[in-house]
Every structure is written in structure tokens, then in C-alpha cells.
Amino acid sequence: MEIIELNDWKYEIQYIDDMIRILNPFIRFKFNKDGELDIFKKGSGLLIEEKITTKEFINFIQYTFPEIVREEIRKLAESDLRKSRNLRNLEKLIPHKLGTINNILQFLENLQYSNSF
């Protein structure tokens, strides 16, 4: 029997470790008493888990998980857009004599810097 050097597999092991961490909020892996791997899908509650088959896990990885990622990206993009709109609206509310938000922020930084001495 050939001895396998773990150093030869470090990228694969790192990849598997990263995937387990990424999936941790959704999937839990556990070896049972027979040494077989059981896969559990986590529910919305902290203690709700259901054992799933390998086929169901593959379905989750191929269909459900990408949808979760897309939804998270959409939420982040919406949040960034909202913040950007709020900043533009704030700039409109400030009298033109004061200048832009950037000028005001720089003024406040300078004021804070001069008060520190």
C-alpha cells in the first residue's frame, strides 16, 4: 500500500475545508457510528436539521446554494444603491455655500485634527 503524503494534497484539503466553512450555515456533516458520512440540512431555526441523501445534497449544491448566493448579492447591491442615493439626496439638501459632502467631511476632519493639539 502506498503512503499518501498530505503535502501533496494540501490544495485539495484546503478547498474542502473552505467549502465546509462556506456551507456551515446551511449544511452539517457528521460521521455516524459506522464511519459513514451523514449530511444534515439546517433549517431556519437553530436546532432544526434534517438528514438528507447524497442526491439531495448535490441538488442543494447545484440549485439551492447558487440561488442563496444570488439573493445575497442582490441584497448587497440594493443596499449599496440605497446608500449611494441617500448620499446624493443629502448633498442636494446641503446649501451650495457649504460645498459638497467631501468638502464638509474634510472640514470636519481638519477641525478634529486641529482640536487634538
Protein backbone atom coordinates (compact mmCIF):
# COMPACT_ATOMS: atom_id res chain seq x y z
CA MET A 1 0.00 0.00 0.00
CA GLU A 2 1.32 3.41 -0.98
CA ILE A 3 1.76 6.05 1.73
CA ILE A 4 -0.02 9.27 0.81
CA GLU A 5 1.80 12.46 1.71
CA LEU A 6 -0.65 15.11 2.90
CA ASN A 7 1.57 17.85 1.47
CA ASP A 8 0.71 16.51 -1.99
CA TRP A 9 -2.97 17.15 -1.23
CA LYS A 10 -2.79 20.48 0.61
CA TYR A 11 -4.75 22.44 -2.02
CA GLU A 12 -7.49 19.84 -2.20
CA ILE A 13 -7.70 19.67 1.59
CA GLN A 14 -7.81 23.47 1.80
CA TYR A 15 -10.57 23.55 -0.82
CA ILE A 16 -12.65 21.00 1.07
CA ASP A 17 -12.10 22.88 4.33
CA ASP A 18 -13.18 26.15 2.71
CA MET A 19 -16.30 24.56 1.24
CA ILE A 20 -17.27 23.09 4.62
CA ARG A 21 -16.89 26.55 6.19
CA ILE A 22 -18.94 28.21 3.42
CA LEU A 23 -21.68 25.62 3.74
CA ASN A 24 -21.67 25.66 7.55
CA PRO A 25 -24.76 27.90 7.90
CA PHE A 26 -26.73 25.50 5.67
CA ILE A 27 -25.21 22.01 5.86
CA ARG A 28 -23.64 19.92 8.62
CA PHE A 29 -21.54 16.83 8.05
CA LYS A 30 -21.16 14.14 10.70
CA PHE A 31 -19.68 10.68 10.74
CA ASN A 32 -22.03 8.13 12.28
CA LYS A 33 -21.08 5.13 14.43
CA ASP A 34 -20.48 3.01 11.33
CA GLY A 35 -17.96 5.54 9.99
CA GLU A 36 -20.29 6.66 7.22
CA LEU A 37 -20.85 10.33 6.48
CA ASP A 38 -24.29 11.71 7.31
CA ILE A 39 -25.36 15.02 5.78
CA PHE A 40 -27.81 17.30 7.55
CA LYS A 41 -29.54 20.32 6.04
CA LYS A 42 -30.07 23.08 8.56
CA GLY A 43 -33.47 24.71 8.80
CA SER A 44 -34.42 28.24 9.71
CA GLY A 45 -34.22 27.53 13.44
CA LEU A 46 -31.02 26.78 15.31
CA LEU A 47 -31.98 23.24 16.27
CA ILE A 48 -33.89 22.21 13.15
CA GLU A 49 -31.91 19.82 10.96
CA GLU A 50 -32.99 17.12 8.60
CA LYS A 51 -30.86 14.29 7.34
CA ILE A 52 -30.59 14.40 3.55
CA THR A 53 -29.37 11.96 0.96
CA THR A 54 -26.32 12.45 -1.23
CA LYS A 55 -28.66 13.19 -4.14
CA GLU A 56 -30.44 15.90 -2.11
CA PHE A 57 -27.06 17.37 -1.13
CA ILE A 58 -25.99 17.52 -4.78
CA ASN A 59 -29.31 19.18 -5.62
CA PHE A 60 -28.69 21.73 -2.86
CA ILE A 61 -25.17 22.47 -4.17
CA GLN A 62 -26.26 22.75 -7.80
CA TYR A 63 -29.54 24.64 -7.43
CA THR A 64 -30.39 25.95 -3.96
CA PHE A 65 -27.00 27.25 -2.86
CA PRO A 66 -26.38 29.31 -6.05
CA GLU A 67 -29.83 30.88 -5.56
CA ILE A 68 -28.93 31.77 -1.97
CA VAL A 69 -25.69 33.38 -3.19
CA ARG A 70 -27.51 35.32 -5.97
CA GLU A 71 -30.08 36.60 -3.47
CA GLU A 72 -27.34 37.71 -1.07
CA ILE A 73 -25.52 39.53 -3.90
CA ARG A 74 -28.78 41.23 -4.91
CA LYS A 75 -29.42 42.38 -1.32
CA LEU A 76 -25.90 43.80 -1.04
CA ALA A 77 -26.22 45.60 -4.37
CA GLU A 78 -29.57 47.09 -3.30
CA SER A 79 -28.07 48.22 -0.01
CA ASP A 80 -25.15 49.89 -1.79
CA LEU A 81 -27.53 51.58 -4.23
CA ARG A 82 -29.67 52.84 -1.33
CA LYS A 83 -26.61 54.25 0.44
CA SER A 84 -25.48 55.95 -2.76
CA ARG A 85 -28.92 57.51 -3.29
CA ASN A 86 -29.05 58.69 0.32
CA LEU A 87 -25.66 60.37 -0.08
CA ARG A 88 -26.79 62.12 -3.28
CA ASN A 89 -30.02 63.25 -1.58
CA LEU A 90 -28.01 64.57 1.37
CA GLU A 91 -25.77 66.53 -0.98
CA LYS A 92 -28.89 68.13 -2.51
CA LEU A 93 -30.11 69.23 0.93
CA ILE A 94 -26.87 70.98 1.86
CA PRO A 95 -26.73 74.66 0.79
CA HIS A 96 -24.31 75.25 -2.07
CA LYS A 97 -22.36 77.72 0.07
CA LEU A 98 -21.09 74.82 2.16
CA GLY A 99 -19.94 72.77 -0.81
CA THR A 100 -20.11 69.04 -1.32
CA ILE A 101 -20.17 66.29 1.27
CA ASN A 102 -16.49 65.66 0.63
CA ASN A 103 -15.62 69.27 1.45
CA ILE A 104 -17.68 69.11 4.64
CA LEU A 105 -16.08 65.82 5.69
CA GLN A 106 -12.64 67.22 5.07
CA PHE A 107 -13.53 70.36 7.06
CA LEU A 108 -14.69 68.17 9.98
CA GLU A 109 -11.51 66.10 9.81
CA ASN A 110 -9.39 69.25 9.86
CA LEU A 111 -11.40 70.62 12.74
CA GLN A 112 -10.95 67.38 14.68
CA TYR A 113 -7.22 67.34 13.86
CA SER A 114 -6.73 70.97 15.00
CA ASN A 115 -8.64 70.32 18.24
CA SER A 116 -6.38 67.40 19.10
CA PHE A 117 -3.44 69.72 19.82
